[in-house]
């Protein structure tokens, strides 16, 4: 999704792995 999160911010949001991008090929 669209979110420029640090690894710690992503974990705080509930994510083990985060990719800052839209749904593209």
PDBML (XML) file of the C-alpha atoms, coordinates in Angstrom:
<?xml version="1.0" encoding="UTF-8" ?>
<PDBx:datablock datablockName="MODEL"
   xmlns:PDBx="http://pdbml.pdb.org/schema/pdbx-v50.xsd"
   xmlns:xsi="http://www.w3.org/2001/XMLSchema-instance"
   xsi:schemaLocation="http://pdbml.pdb.org/schema/pdbx-v50.xsd pdbx-v50.xsd">
   <PDBx:atom_siteCategory>
      <PDBx:atom_site id="1">
         <PDBx:B_iso_or_equiv>0.00</PDBx:B_iso_or_equiv>
         <PDBx:Cartn_x>0.000</PDBx:Cartn_x>
         <PDBx:Cartn_y>0.000</PDBx:Cartn_y>
         <PDBx:Cartn_z>0.000</PDBx:Cartn_z>
         <PDBx:auth_asym_id>A</PDBx:auth_asym_id>
         <PDBx:auth_atom_id>CA</PDBx:auth_atom_id>
         <PDBx:auth_comp_id>UNK</PDBx:auth_comp_id>
         <PDBx:auth_seq_id>1</PDBx:auth_seq_id>
         <PDBx:group_PDB>ATOM</PDBx:group_PDB>
         <PDBx:label_alt_id xsi:nil="true" />
         <PDBx:label_asym_id>A</PDBx:label_asym_id>
         <PDBx:label_atom_id>CA</PDBx:label_atom_id>
         <PDBx:label_comp_id>UNK</PDBx:label_comp_id>
         <PDBx:label_entity_id>1</PDBx:label_entity_id>
         <PDBx:label_seq_id>1</PDBx:label_seq_id>
         <PDBx:occupancy>1.00</PDBx:occupancy>
         <PDBx:pdbx_PDB_model_num>1</PDBx:pdbx_PDB_model_num>
         <PDBx:type_symbol>C</PDBx:type_symbol>
      </PDBx:atom_site>
      <PDBx:atom_site id="2">
         <PDBx:B_iso_or_equiv>0.00</PDBx:B_iso_or_equiv>
         <PDBx:Cartn_x>0.878</PDBx:Cartn_x>
         <PDBx:Cartn_y>3.676</PDBx:Cartn_y>
         <PDBx:Cartn_z>0.012</PDBx:Cartn_z>
         <PDBx:auth_asym_id>A</PDBx:auth_asym_id>
         <PDBx:auth_atom_id>CA</PDBx:auth_atom_id>
         <PDBx:auth_comp_id>UNK</PDBx:auth_comp_id>
         <PDBx:auth_seq_id>2</PDBx:auth_seq_id>
         <PDBx:group_PDB>ATOM</PDBx:group_PDB>
         <PDBx:label_alt_id xsi:nil="true" />
         <PDBx:label_asym_id>A</PDBx:label_asym_id>
         <PDBx:label_atom_id>CA</PDBx:label_atom_id>
         <PDBx:label_comp_id>UNK</PDBx:label_comp_id>
         <PDBx:label_entity_id>1</PDBx:label_entity_id>
         <PDBx:label_seq_id>2</PDBx:label_seq_id>
         <PDBx:occupancy>1.00</PDBx:occupancy>
         <PDBx:pdbx_PDB_model_num>1</PDBx:pdbx_PDB_model_num>
         <PDBx:type_symbol>C</PDBx:type_symbol>
      </PDBx:atom_site>
      <PDBx:atom_site id="3">
         <PDBx:B_iso_or_equiv>0.00</PDBx:B_iso_or_equiv>
         <PDBx:Cartn_x>2.709</PDBx:Cartn_x>
         <PDBx:Cartn_y>4.378</PDBx:Cartn_y>
         <PDBx:Cartn_z>3.249</PDBx:Cartn_z>
         <PDBx:auth_asym_id>A</PDBx:auth_asym_id>
         <PDBx:auth_atom_id>CA</PDBx:auth_atom_id>
         <PDBx:auth_comp_id>UNK</PDBx:auth_comp_id>
         <PDBx:auth_seq_id>3</PDBx:auth_seq_id>
         <PDBx:group_PDB>ATOM</PDBx:group_PDB>
         <PDBx:label_alt_id xsi:nil="true" />
         <PDBx:label_asym_id>A</PDBx:label_asym_id>
         <PDBx:label_atom_id>CA</PDBx:label_atom_id>
         <PDBx:label_comp_id>UNK</PDBx:label_comp_id>
         <PDBx:label_entity_id>1</PDBx:label_entity_id>
         <PDBx:label_seq_id>3</PDBx:label_seq_id>
         <PDBx:occupancy>1.00</PDBx:occupancy>
         <PDBx:pdbx_PDB_model_num>1</PDBx:pdbx_PDB_model_num>
         <PDBx:type_symbol>C</PDBx:type_symbol>
      </PDBx:atom_site>
      <PDBx:atom_site id="4">
         <PDBx:B_iso_or_equiv>0.00</PDBx:B_iso_or_equiv>
         <PDBx:Cartn_x>6.332</PDBx:Cartn_x>
         <PDBx:Cartn_y>5.391</PDBx:Cartn_y>
         <PDBx:Cartn_z>3.743</PDBx:Cartn_z>
         <PDBx:auth_asym_id>A</PDBx:auth_asym_id>
         <PDBx:auth_atom_id>CA</PDBx:auth_atom_id>
         <PDBx:auth_comp_id>UNK</PDBx:auth_comp_id>
         <PDBx:auth_seq_id>4</PDBx:auth_seq_id>
         <PDBx:group_PDB>ATOM</PDBx:group_PDB>
         <PDBx:label_alt_id xsi:nil="true" />
         <PDBx:label_asym_id>A</PDBx:label_asym_id>
         <PDBx:label_atom_id>CA</PDBx:label_atom_id>
         <PDBx:label_comp_id>UNK</PDBx:label_comp_id>
         <PDBx:label_entity_id>1</PDBx:label_entity_id>
         <PDBx:label_seq_id>4</PDBx:label_seq_id>
         <PDBx:occupancy>1.00</PDBx:occupancy>
         <PDBx:pdbx_PDB_model_num>1</PDBx:pdbx_PDB_model_num>
         <PDBx:type_symbol>C</PDBx:type_symbol>
      </PDBx:atom_site>
      <PDBx:atom_site id="5">
         <PDBx:B_iso_or_equiv>0.00</PDBx:B_iso_or_equiv>
         <PDBx:Cartn_x>6.752</PDBx:Cartn_x>
         <PDBx:Cartn_y>3.507</PDBx:Cartn_y>
         <PDBx:Cartn_z>6.999</PDBx:Cartn_z>
         <PDBx:auth_asym_id>A</PDBx:auth_asym_id>
         <PDBx:auth_atom_id>CA</PDBx:auth_atom_id>
         <PDBx:auth_comp_id>UNK</PDBx:auth_comp_id>
         <PDBx:auth_seq_id>5</PDBx:auth_seq_id>
         <PDBx:group_PDB>ATOM</PDBx:group_PDB>
         <PDBx:label_alt_id xsi:nil="true" />
         <PDBx:label_asym_id>A</PDBx:label_asym_id>
         <PDBx:label_atom_id>CA</PDBx:label_atom_id>
         <PDBx:label_comp_id>UNK</PDBx:label_comp_id>
         <PDBx:label_entity_id>1</PDBx:label_entity_id>
         <PDBx:label_seq_id>5</PDBx:label_seq_id>
         <PDBx:occupancy>1.00</PDBx:occupancy>
         <PDBx:pdbx_PDB_model_num>1</PDBx:pdbx_PDB_model_num>
         <PDBx:type_symbol>C</PDBx:type_symbol>
      </PDBx:atom_site>
      <PDBx:atom_site id="6">
         <PDBx:B_iso_or_equiv>0.00</PDBx:B_iso_or_equiv>
         <PDBx:Cartn_x>9.938</PDBx:Cartn_x>
         <PDBx:Cartn_y>2.465</PDBx:Cartn_y>
         <PDBx:Cartn_z>8.726</PDBx:Cartn_z>
         <PDBx:auth_asym_id>A</PDBx:auth_asym_id>
         <PDBx:auth_atom_id>CA</PDBx:auth_atom_id>
         <PDBx:auth_comp_id>UNK</PDBx:auth_comp_id>
         <PDBx:auth_seq_id>6</PDBx:auth_seq_id>
         <PDBx:group_PDB>ATOM</PDBx:group_PDB>
         <PDBx:label_alt_id xsi:nil="true" />
         <PDBx:label_asym_id>A</PDBx:label_asym_id>
         <PDBx:label_atom_id>CA</PDBx:label_atom_id>
         <PDBx:label_comp_id>UNK</PDBx:label_comp_id>
         <PDBx:label_entity_id>1</PDBx:label_entity_id>
         <PDBx:label_seq_id>6</PDBx:label_seq_id>
         <PDBx:occupancy>1.00</PDBx:occupancy>
         <PDBx:pdbx_PDB_model_num>1</PDBx:pdbx_PDB_model_num>
         <PDBx:type_symbol>C</PDBx:type_symbol>
      </PDBx:atom_site>
      <PDBx:atom_site id="7">
         <PDBx:B_iso_or_equiv>0.00</PDBx:B_iso_or_equiv>
         <PDBx:Cartn_x>10.232</PDBx:Cartn_x>
         <PDBx:Cartn_y>-1.201</PDBx:Cartn_y>
         <PDBx:Cartn_z>9.688</PDBx:Cartn_z>
         <PDBx:auth_asym_id>A</PDBx:auth_asym_id>
         <PDBx:auth_atom_id>CA</PDBx:auth_atom_id>
         <PDBx:auth_comp_id>UNK</PDBx:auth_comp_id>
         <PDBx:auth_seq_id>7</PDBx:auth_seq_id>
         <PDBx:group_PDB>ATOM</PDBx:group_PDB>
         <PDBx:label_alt_id xsi:nil="true" />
         <PDBx:label_asym_id>A</PDBx:label_asym_id>
         <PDBx:label_atom_id>CA</PDBx:label_atom_id>
         <PDBx:label_comp_id>UNK</PDBx:label_comp_id>
         <PDBx:label_entity_id>1</PDBx:label_entity_id>
         <PDBx:label_seq_id>7</PDBx:label_seq_id>
         <PDBx:occupancy>1.00</PDBx:occupancy>
         <PDBx:pdbx_PDB_model_num>1</PDBx:pdbx_PDB_model_num>
         <PDBx:type_symbol>C</PDBx:type_symbol>
      </PDBx:atom_site>
      <PDBx:atom_site id="8">
         <PDBx:B_iso_or_equiv>0.00</PDBx:B_iso_or_equiv>
         <PDBx:Cartn_x>9.234</PDBx:Cartn_x>
         <PDBx:Cartn_y>-0.308</PDBx:Cartn_y>
         <PDBx:Cartn_z>13.256</PDBx:Cartn_z>
         <PDBx:auth_asym_id>A</PDBx:auth_asym_id>
         <PDBx:auth_atom_id>CA</PDBx:auth_atom_id>
         <PDBx:auth_comp_id>UNK</PDBx:auth_comp_id>
         <PDBx:auth_seq_id>8</PDBx:auth_seq_id>
         <PDBx:group_PDB>ATOM</PDBx:group_PDB>
         <PDBx:label_alt_id xsi:nil="true" />
         <PDBx:label_asym_id>A</PDBx:label_asym_id>
         <PDBx:label_atom_id>CA</PDBx:label_atom_id>
         <PDBx:label_comp_id>UNK</PDBx:label_comp_id>
         <PDBx:label_entity_id>1</PDBx:label_entity_id>
         <PDBx:label_seq_id>8</PDBx:label_seq_id>
         <PDBx:occupancy>1.00</PDBx:occupancy>
         <PDBx:pdbx_PDB_model_num>1</PDBx:pdbx_PDB_model_num>
         <PDBx:type_symbol>C</PDBx:type_symbol>
      </PDBx:atom_site>
      <PDBx:atom_site id="9">
         <PDBx:B_iso_or_equiv>0.00</PDBx:B_iso_or_equiv>
         <PDBx:Cartn_x>6.221</PDBx:Cartn_x>
         <PDBx:Cartn_y>1.701</PDBx:Cartn_y>
         <PDBx:Cartn_z>12.072</PDBx:Cartn_z>
         <PDBx:auth_asym_id>A</PDBx:auth_asym_id>
         <PDBx:auth_atom_id>CA</PDBx:auth_atom_id>
         <PDBx:auth_comp_id>UNK</PDBx:auth_comp_id>
         <PDBx:auth_seq_id>9</PDBx:auth_seq_id>
         <PDBx:group_PDB>ATOM</PDBx:group_PDB>
         <PDBx:label_alt_id xsi:nil="true" />
         <PDBx:label_asym_id>A</PDBx:label_asym_id>
         <PDBx:label_atom_id>CA</PDBx:label_atom_id>
         <PDBx:label_comp_id>UNK</PDBx:label_comp_id>
         <PDBx:label_entity_id>1</PDBx:label_entity_id>
         <PDBx:label_seq_id>9</PDBx:label_seq_id>
         <PDBx:occupancy>1.00</PDBx:occupancy>
         <PDBx:pdbx_PDB_model_num>1</PDBx:pdbx_PDB_model_num>
         <PDBx:type_symbol>C</PDBx:type_symbol>
      </PDBx:atom_site>
      <PDBx:atom_site id="10">
         <PDBx:B_iso_or_equiv>0.00</PDBx:B_iso_or_equiv>
         <PDBx:Cartn_x>5.107</PDBx:Cartn_x>
         <PDBx:Cartn_y>-1.165</PDBx:Cartn_y>
         <PDBx:Cartn_z>9.850</PDBx:Cartn_z>
         <PDBx:auth_asym_id>A</PDBx:auth_asym_id>
         <PDBx:auth_atom_id>CA</PDBx:auth_atom_id>
         <PDBx:auth_comp_id>UNK</PDBx:auth_comp_id>
         <PDBx:auth_seq_id>10</PDBx:auth_seq_id>
         <PDBx:group_PDB>ATOM</PDBx:group_PDB>
         <PDBx:label_alt_id xsi:nil="true" />
         <PDBx:label_asym_id>A</PDBx:label_asym_id>
         <PDBx:label_atom_id>CA</PDBx:label_atom_id>
         <PDBx:label_comp_id>UNK</PDBx:label_comp_id>
         <PDBx:label_entity_id>1</PDBx:label_entity_id>
         <PDBx:label_seq_id>10</PDBx:label_seq_id>
         <PDBx:occupancy>1.00</PDBx:occupancy>
         <PDBx:pdbx_PDB_model_num>1</PDBx:pdbx_PDB_model_num>
         <PDBx:type_symbol>C</PDBx:type_symbol>
      </PDBx:atom_site>
      <PDBx:atom_site id="11">
         <PDBx:B_iso_or_equiv>0.00</PDBx:B_iso_or_equiv>
         <PDBx:Cartn_x>5.355</PDBx:Cartn_x>
         <PDBx:Cartn_y>-3.620</PDBx:Cartn_y>
         <PDBx:Cartn_z>12.737</PDBx:Cartn_z>
         <PDBx:auth_asym_id>A</PDBx:auth_asym_id>
         <PDBx:auth_atom_id>CA</PDBx:auth_atom_id>
         <PDBx:auth_comp_id>UNK</PDBx:auth_comp_id>
         <PDBx:auth_seq_id>11</PDBx:auth_seq_id>
         <PDBx:group_PDB>ATOM</PDBx:group_PDB>
         <PDBx:label_alt_id xsi:nil="true" />
         <PDBx:label_asym_id>A</PDBx:label_asym_id>
         <PDBx:label_atom_id>CA</PDBx:label_atom_id>
         <PDBx:label_comp_id>UNK</PDBx:label_comp_id>
         <PDBx:label_entity_id>1</PDBx:label_entity_id>
         <PDBx:label_seq_id>11</PDBx:label_seq_id>
         <PDBx:occupancy>1.00</PDBx:occupancy>
         <PDBx:pdbx_PDB_model_num>1</PDBx:pdbx_PDB_model_num>
         <PDBx:type_symbol>C</PDBx:type_symbol>
      </PDBx:atom_site>
      <PDBx:atom_site id="12">
         <PDBx:B_iso_or_equiv>0.00</PDBx:B_iso_or_equiv>
         <PDBx:Cartn_x>3.386</PDBx:Cartn_x>
         <PDBx:Cartn_y>-1.236</PDBx:Cartn_y>
         <PDBx:Cartn_z>14.958</PDBx:Cartn_z>
         <PDBx:auth_asym_id>A</PDBx:auth_asym_id>
         <PDBx:auth_atom_id>CA</PDBx:auth_atom_id>
         <PDBx:auth_comp_id>UNK</PDBx:auth_comp_id>
         <PDBx:auth_seq_id>12</PDBx:auth_seq_id>
         <PDBx:group_PDB>ATOM</PDBx:group_PDB>
         <PDBx:label_alt_id xsi:nil="true" />
         <PDBx:label_asym_id>A</PDBx:label_asym_id>
         <PDBx:label_atom_id>CA</PDBx:label_atom_id>
         <PDBx:label_comp_id>UNK</PDBx:label_comp_id>
         <PDBx:label_entity_id>1</PDBx:label_entity_id>
         <PDBx:label_seq_id>12</PDBx:label_seq_id>
         <PDBx:occupancy>1.00</PDBx:occupancy>
         <PDBx:pdbx_PDB_model_num>1</PDBx:pdbx_PDB_model_num>
         <PDBx:type_symbol>C</PDBx:type_symbol>
      </PDBx:atom_site>
      <PDBx:atom_site id="13">
         <PDBx:B_iso_or_equiv>0.00</PDBx:B_iso_or_equiv>
         <PDBx:Cartn_x>0.676</PDBx:Cartn_x>
         <PDBx:Cartn_y>-1.184</PDBx:Cartn_y>
         <PDBx:Cartn_z>12.255</PDBx:Cartn_z>
         <PDBx:auth_asym_id>A</PDBx:auth_asym_id>
         <PDBx:auth_atom_id>CA</PDBx:auth_atom_id>
         <PDBx:auth_comp_id>UNK</PDBx:auth_comp_id>
         <PDBx:auth_seq_id>13</PDBx:auth_seq_id>
         <PDBx:group_PDB>ATOM</PDBx:group_PDB>
         <PDBx:label_alt_id xsi:nil="true" />
         <PDBx:label_asym_id>A</PDBx:label_asym_id>
         <PDBx:label_atom_id>CA</PDBx:label_atom_id>
         <PDBx:label_comp_id>UNK</PDBx:label_comp_id>
         <PDBx:label_entity_id>1</PDBx:label_entity_id>
         <PDBx:label_seq_id>13</PDBx:label_seq_id>
         <PDBx:occupancy>1.00</PDBx:occupancy>
         <PDBx:pdbx_PDB_model_num>1</PDBx:pdbx_PDB_model_num>
         <PDBx:type_symbol>C</PDBx:type_symbol>
      </PDBx:atom_site>
      <PDBx:atom_site id="14">
         <PDBx:B_iso_or_equiv>0.00</PDBx:B_iso_or_equiv>
         <PDBx:Cartn_x>0.556</PDBx:Cartn_x>
         <PDBx:Cartn_y>-4.992</PDBx:Cartn_y>
         <PDBx:Cartn_z>12.286</PDBx:Cartn_z>
         <PDBx:auth_asym_id>A</PDBx:auth_asym_id>
         <PDBx:auth_atom_id>CA</PDBx:auth_atom_id>
         <PDBx:auth_comp_id>UNK</PDBx:auth_comp_id>
         <PDBx:auth_seq_id>14</PDBx:auth_seq_id>
         <PDBx:group_PDB>ATOM</PDBx:group_PDB>
         <PDBx:label_alt_id xsi:nil="true" />
         <PDBx:label_asym_id>A</PDBx:label_asym_id>
         <PDBx:label_atom_id>CA</PDBx:label_atom_id>
         <PDBx:label_comp_id>UNK</PDBx:label_comp_id>
         <PDBx:label_entity_id>1</PDBx:label_entity_id>
         <PDBx:label_seq_id>14</PDBx:label_seq_id>
         <PDBx:occupancy>1.00</PDBx:occupancy>
         <PDBx:pdbx_PDB_model_num>1</PDBx:pdbx_PDB_model_num>
         <PDBx:type_symbol>C</PDBx:type_symbol>
      </PDBx:atom_site>
      <PDBx:atom_site id="15">
         <PDBx:B_iso_or_equiv>0.00</PDBx:B_iso_or_equiv>
         <PDBx:Cartn_x>2.844</PDBx:Cartn_x>
         <PDBx:Cartn_y>-5.886</PDBx:Cartn_y>
         <PDBx:Cartn_z>9.377</PDBx:Cartn_z>
         <PDBx:auth_asym_id>A</PDBx:auth_asym_id>
         <PDBx:auth_atom_id>CA</PDBx:auth_atom_id>
         <PDBx:auth_comp_id>UNK</PDBx:auth_comp_id>
         <PDBx:auth_seq_id>15</PDBx:auth_seq_id>
         <PDBx:group_PDB>ATOM</PDBx:group_PDB>
         <PDBx:label_alt_id xsi:nil="true" />
         <PDBx:label_asym_id>A</PDBx:label_asym_id>
         <PDBx:label_atom_id>CA</PDBx:label_atom_id>
         <PDBx:label_comp_id>UNK</PDBx:label_comp_id>
         <PDBx:label_entity_id>1</PDBx:label_entity_id>
         <PDBx:label_seq_id>15</PDBx:label_seq_id>
         <PDBx:occupancy>1.00</PDBx:occupancy>
         <PDBx:pdbx_PDB_model_num>1</PDBx:pdbx_PDB_model_num>
         <PDBx:type_symbol>C</PDBx:type_symbol>
      </PDBx:atom_site>
      <PDBx:atom_site id="16">
         <PDBx:B_iso_or_equiv>0.00</PDBx:B_iso_or_equiv>
         <PDBx:Cartn_x>5.717</PDBx:Cartn_x>
         <PDBx:Cartn_y>-8.346</PDBx:Cartn_y>
         <PDBx:Cartn_z>9.354</PDBx:Cartn_z>
         <PDBx:auth_asym_id>A</PDBx:auth_asym_id>
         <PDBx:auth_atom_id>CA</PDBx:auth_atom_id>
         <PDBx:auth_comp_id>UNK</PDBx:auth_comp_id>
         <PDBx:auth_seq_id>16</PDBx:auth_seq_id>
         <PDBx:group_PDB>ATOM</PDBx:group_PDB>
         <PDBx:label_alt_id xsi:nil="true" />
         <PDBx:label_asym_id>A</PDBx:label_asym_id>
         <PDBx:label_atom_id>CA</PDBx:label_atom_id>
         <PDBx:label_comp_id>UNK</PDBx:label_comp_id>
         <PDBx:label_entity_id>1</PDBx:label_entity_id>
         <PDBx:label_seq_id>16</PDBx:label_seq_id>
         <PDBx:occupancy>1.00</PDBx:occupancy>
         <PDBx:pdbx_PDB_model_num>1</PDBx:pdbx_PDB_model_num>
         <PDBx:type_symbol>C</PDBx:type_symbol>
      </PDBx:atom_site>
      <PDBx:atom_site id="17">
         <PDBx:B_iso_or_equiv>0.00</PDBx:B_iso_or_equiv>
         <PDBx:Cartn_x>6.680</PDBx:Cartn_x>
         <PDBx:Cartn_y>-7.154</PDBx:Cartn_y>
         <PDBx:Cartn_z>5.877</PDBx:Cartn_z>
         <PDBx:auth_asym_id>A</PDBx:auth_asym_id>
         <PDBx:auth_atom_id>CA</PDBx:auth_atom_id>
         <PDBx:auth_comp_id>UNK</PDBx:auth_comp_id>
         <PDBx:auth_seq_id>17</PDBx:auth_seq_id>
         <PDBx:group_PDB>ATOM</PDBx:group_PDB>
         <PDBx:label_alt_id xsi:nil="true" />
         <PDBx:label_asym_id>A</PDBx:label_asym_id>
         <PDBx:label_atom_id>CA</PDBx:label_atom_id>
         <PDBx:label_comp_id>UNK</PDBx:label_comp_id>
         <PDBx:label_entity_id>1</PDBx:label_entity_id>
         <PDBx:label_seq_id>17</PDBx:label_seq_id>
         <PDBx:occupancy>1.00</PDBx:occupancy>
         <PDBx:pdbx_PDB_model_num>1</PDBx:pdbx_PDB_model_num>
         <PDBx:type_symbol>C</PDBx:type_symbol>
      </PDBx:atom_site>
      <PDBx:atom_site id="18">
         <PDBx:B_iso_or_equiv>0.00</PDBx:B_iso_or_equiv>
         <PDBx:Cartn_x>5.666</PDBx:Cartn_x>
         <PDBx:Cartn_y>-3.901</PDBx:Cartn_y>
         <PDBx:Cartn_z>4.193</PDBx:Cartn_z>
         <PDBx:auth_asym_id>A</PDBx:auth_asym_id>
         <PDBx:auth_atom_id>CA</PDBx:auth_atom_id>
         <PDBx:auth_comp_id>UNK</PDBx:auth_comp_id>
         <PDBx:auth_seq_id>18</PDBx:auth_seq_id>
         <PDBx:group_PDB>ATOM</PDBx:group_PDB>
         <PDBx:label_alt_id xsi:nil="true" />
         <PDBx:label_asym_id>A</PDBx:label_asym_id>
         <PDBx:label_atom_id>CA</PDBx:label_atom_id>
         <PDBx:label_comp_id>UNK</PDBx:label_comp_id>
         <PDBx:label_entity_id>1</PDBx:label_entity_id>
         <PDBx:label_seq_id>18</PDBx:label_seq_id>
         <PDBx:occupancy>1.00</PDBx:occupancy>
         <PDBx:pdbx_PDB_model_num>1</PDBx:pdbx_PDB_model_num>
         <PDBx:type_symbol>C</PDBx:type_symbol>
      </PDBx:atom_site>
      <PDBx:atom_site id="19">
         <PDBx:B_iso_or_equiv>0.00</PDBx:B_iso_or_equiv>
         <PDBx:Cartn_x>5.931</PDBx:Cartn_x>
         <PDBx:Cartn_y>-2.777</PDBx:Cartn_y>
         <PDBx:Cartn_z>0.564</PDBx:Cartn_z>
         <PDBx:auth_asym_id>A</PDBx:auth_asym_id>
         <PDBx:auth_atom_id>CA</PDBx:auth_atom_id>
         <PDBx:auth_comp_id>UNK</PDBx:auth_comp_id>
         <PDBx:auth_seq_id>19</PDBx:auth_seq_id>
         <PDBx:group_PDB>ATOM</PDBx:group_PDB>
         <PDBx:label_alt_id xsi:nil="true" />
         <PDBx:label_asym_id>A</PDBx:label_asym_id>
         <PDBx:label_atom_id>CA</PDBx:label_atom_id>
         <PDBx:label_comp_id>UNK</PDBx:label_comp_id>
         <PDBx:label_entity_id>1</PDBx:label_entity_id>
         <PDBx:label_seq_id>19</PDBx:label_seq_id>
         <PDBx:occupancy>1.00</PDBx:occupancy>
         <PDBx:pdbx_PDB_model_num>1</PDBx:pdbx_PDB_model_num>
         <PDBx:type_symbol>C</PDBx:type_symbol>
      </PDBx:atom_site>
      <PDBx:atom_site id="20">
         <PDBx:B_iso_or_equiv>0.00</PDBx:B_iso_or_equiv>
         <PDBx:Cartn_x>5.226</PDBx:Cartn_x>
         <PDBx:Cartn_y>0.882</PDBx:Cartn_y>
         <PDBx:Cartn_z>-0.182</PDBx:Cartn_z>
         <PDBx:auth_asym_id>A</PDBx:auth_asym_id>
         <PDBx:auth_atom_id>CA</PDBx:auth_atom_id>
         <PDBx:auth_comp_id>UNK</PDBx:auth_comp_id>
         <PDBx:auth_seq_id>20</PDBx:auth_seq_id>
         <PDBx:group_PDB>ATOM</PDBx:group_PDB>
         <PDBx:label_alt_id xsi:nil="true" />
         <PDBx:label_asym_id>A</PDBx:label_asym_id>
         <PDBx:label_atom_id>CA</PDBx:label_atom_id>
         <PDBx:label_comp_id>UNK</PDBx:label_comp_id>
         <PDBx:label_entity_id>1</PDBx:label_entity_id>
         <PDBx:label_seq_id>20</PDBx:label_seq_id>
         <PDBx:occupancy>1.00</PDBx:occupancy>
         <PDBx:pdbx_PDB_model_num>1</PDBx:pdbx_PDB_model_num>
         <PDBx:type_symbol>C</PDBx:type_symbol>
      </PDBx:atom_site>
      <PDBx:atom_site id="21">
         <PDBx:B_iso_or_equiv>0.00</PDBx:B_iso_or_equiv>
         <PDBx:Cartn_x>3.581</PDBx:Cartn_x>
         <PDBx:Cartn_y>0.520</PDBx:Cartn_y>
         <PDBx:Cartn_z>-3.594</PDBx:Cartn_z>
         <PDBx:auth_asym_id>A</PDBx:auth_asym_id>
         <PDBx:auth_atom_id>CA</PDBx:auth_atom_id>
         <PDBx:auth_comp_id>UNK</PDBx:auth_comp_id>
         <PDBx:auth_seq_id>21</PDBx:auth_seq_id>
         <PDBx:group_PDB>ATOM</PDBx:group_PDB>
         <PDBx:label_alt_id xsi:nil="true" />
         <PDBx:label_asym_id>A</PDBx:label_asym_id>
         <PDBx:label_atom_id>CA</PDBx:label_atom_id>
         <PDBx:label_comp_id>UNK</PDBx:label_comp_id>
         <PDBx:label_entity_id>1</PDBx:label_entity_id>
         <PDBx:label_seq_id>21</PDBx:label_seq_id>
         <PDBx:occupancy>1.00</PDBx:occupancy>
         <PDBx:pdbx_PDB_model_num>1</PDBx:pdbx_PDB_model_num>
         <PDBx:type_symbol>C</PDBx:type_symbol>
      </PDBx:atom_site>
      <PDBx:atom_site id="22">
         <PDBx:B_iso_or_equiv>0.00</PDBx:B_iso_or_equiv>
         <PDBx:Cartn_x>0.275</PDBx:Cartn_x>
         <PDBx:Cartn_y>0.277</PDBx:Cartn_y>
         <PDBx:Cartn_z>-5.376</PDBx:Cartn_z>
         <PDBx:auth_asym_id>A</PDBx:auth_asym_id>
         <PDBx:auth_atom_id>CA</PDBx:auth_atom_id>
         <PDBx:auth_comp_id>UNK</PDBx:auth_comp_id>
         <PDBx:auth_seq_id>22</PDBx:auth_seq_id>
         <PDBx:group_PDB>ATOM</PDBx:group_PDB>
         <PDBx:label_alt_id xsi:nil="true" />
         <PDBx:label_asym_id>A</PDBx:label_asym_id>
         <PDBx:label_atom_id>CA</PDBx:label_atom_id>
         <PDBx:label_comp_id>UNK</PDBx:label_comp_id>
         <PDBx:label_entity_id>1</PDBx:label_entity_id>
         <PDBx:label_seq_id>22</PDBx:label_seq_id>
         <PDBx:occupancy>1.00</PDBx:occupancy>
         <PDBx:pdbx_PDB_model_num>1</PDBx:pdbx_PDB_model_num>
         <PDBx:type_symbol>C</PDBx:type_symbol>
      </PDBx:atom_site>
      <PDBx:atom_site id="23">
         <PDBx:B_iso_or_equiv>0.00</PDBx:B_iso_or_equiv>
         <PDBx:Cartn_x>-1.175</PDBx:Cartn_x>
         <PDBx:Cartn_y>-2.919</PDBx:Cartn_y>
         <PDBx:Cartn_z>-6.803</PDBx:Cartn_z>
         <PDBx:auth_asym_id>A</PDBx:auth_asym_id>
         <PDBx:auth_atom_id>CA</PDBx:auth_atom_id>
         <PDBx:auth_comp_id>UNK</PDBx:auth_comp_id>
         <PDBx:auth_seq_id>23</PDBx:auth_seq_id>
         <PDBx:group_PDB>ATOM</PDBx:group_PDB>
         <PDBx:label_alt_id xsi:nil="true" />
         <PDBx:label_asym_id>A</PDBx:label_asym_id>
         <PDBx:label_atom_id>CA</PDBx:label_atom_id>
         <PDBx:label_comp_id>UNK</PDBx:label_comp_id>
         <PDBx:label_entity_id>1</PDBx:label_entity_id>
         <PDBx:label_seq_id>23</PDBx:label_seq_id>
         <PDBx:occupancy>1.00</PDBx:occupancy>
         <PDBx:pdbx_PDB_model_num>1</PDBx:pdbx_PDB_model_num>
         <PDBx:type_symbol>C</PDBx:type_symbol>
      </PDBx:atom_site>
      <PDBx:atom_site id="24">
         <PDBx:B_iso_or_equiv>0.00</PDBx:B_iso_or_equiv>
         <PDBx:Cartn_x>0.949</PDBx:Cartn_x>
         <PDBx:Cartn_y>-3.099</PDBx:Cartn_y>
         <PDBx:Cartn_z>-9.940</PDBx:Cartn_z>
         <PDBx:auth_asym_id>A</PDBx:auth_asym_id>
         <PDBx:auth_atom_id>CA</PDBx:auth_atom_id>
         <PDBx:auth_comp_id>UNK</PDBx:auth_comp_id>
         <PDBx:auth_seq_id>24</PDBx:auth_seq_id>
         <PDBx:group_PDB>ATOM</PDBx:group_PDB>
         <PDBx:label_alt_id xsi:nil="true" />
         <PDBx:label_asym_id>A</PDBx:label_asym_id>
         <PDBx:label_atom_id>CA</PDBx:label_atom_id>
         <PDBx:label_comp_id>UNK</PDBx:label_comp_id>
         <PDBx:label_entity_id>1</PDBx:label_entity_id>
         <PDBx:label_seq_id>24</PDBx:label_seq_id>
         <PDBx:occupancy>1.00</PDBx:occupancy>
         <PDBx:pdbx_PDB_model_num>1</PDBx:pdbx_PDB_model_num>
         <PDBx:type_symbol>C</PDBx:type_symbol>
      </PDBx:atom_site>
      <PDBx:atom_site id="25">
         <PDBx:B_iso_or_equiv>0.00</PDBx:B_iso_or_equiv>
         <PDBx:Cartn_x>2.461</PDBx:Cartn_x>
         <PDBx:Cartn_y>-6.019</PDBx:Cartn_y>
         <PDBx:Cartn_z>-11.804</PDBx:Cartn_z>
         <PDBx:auth_asym_id>A</PDBx:auth_asym_id>
         <PDBx:auth_atom_id>CA</PDBx:auth_atom_id>
         <PDBx:auth_comp_id>UNK</PDBx:auth_comp_id>
         <PDBx:auth_seq_id>25</PDBx:auth_seq_id>
         <PDBx:group_PDB>ATOM</PDBx:group_PDB>
         <PDBx:label_alt_id xsi:nil="true" />
         <PDBx:label_asym_id>A</PDBx:label_asym_id>
         <PDBx:label_atom_id>CA</PDBx:label_atom_id>
         <PDBx:label_comp_id>UNK</PDBx:label_comp_id>
         <PDBx:label_entity_id>1</PDBx:label_entity_id>
         <PDBx:label_seq_id>25</PDBx:label_seq_id>
         <PDBx:occupancy>1.00</PDBx:occupancy>
         <PDBx:pdbx_PDB_model_num>1</PDBx:pdbx_PDB_model_num>
         <PDBx:type_symbol>C</PDBx:type_symbol>
      </PDBx:atom_site>
   </PDBx:atom_siteCategory>
</PDBx:datablock>
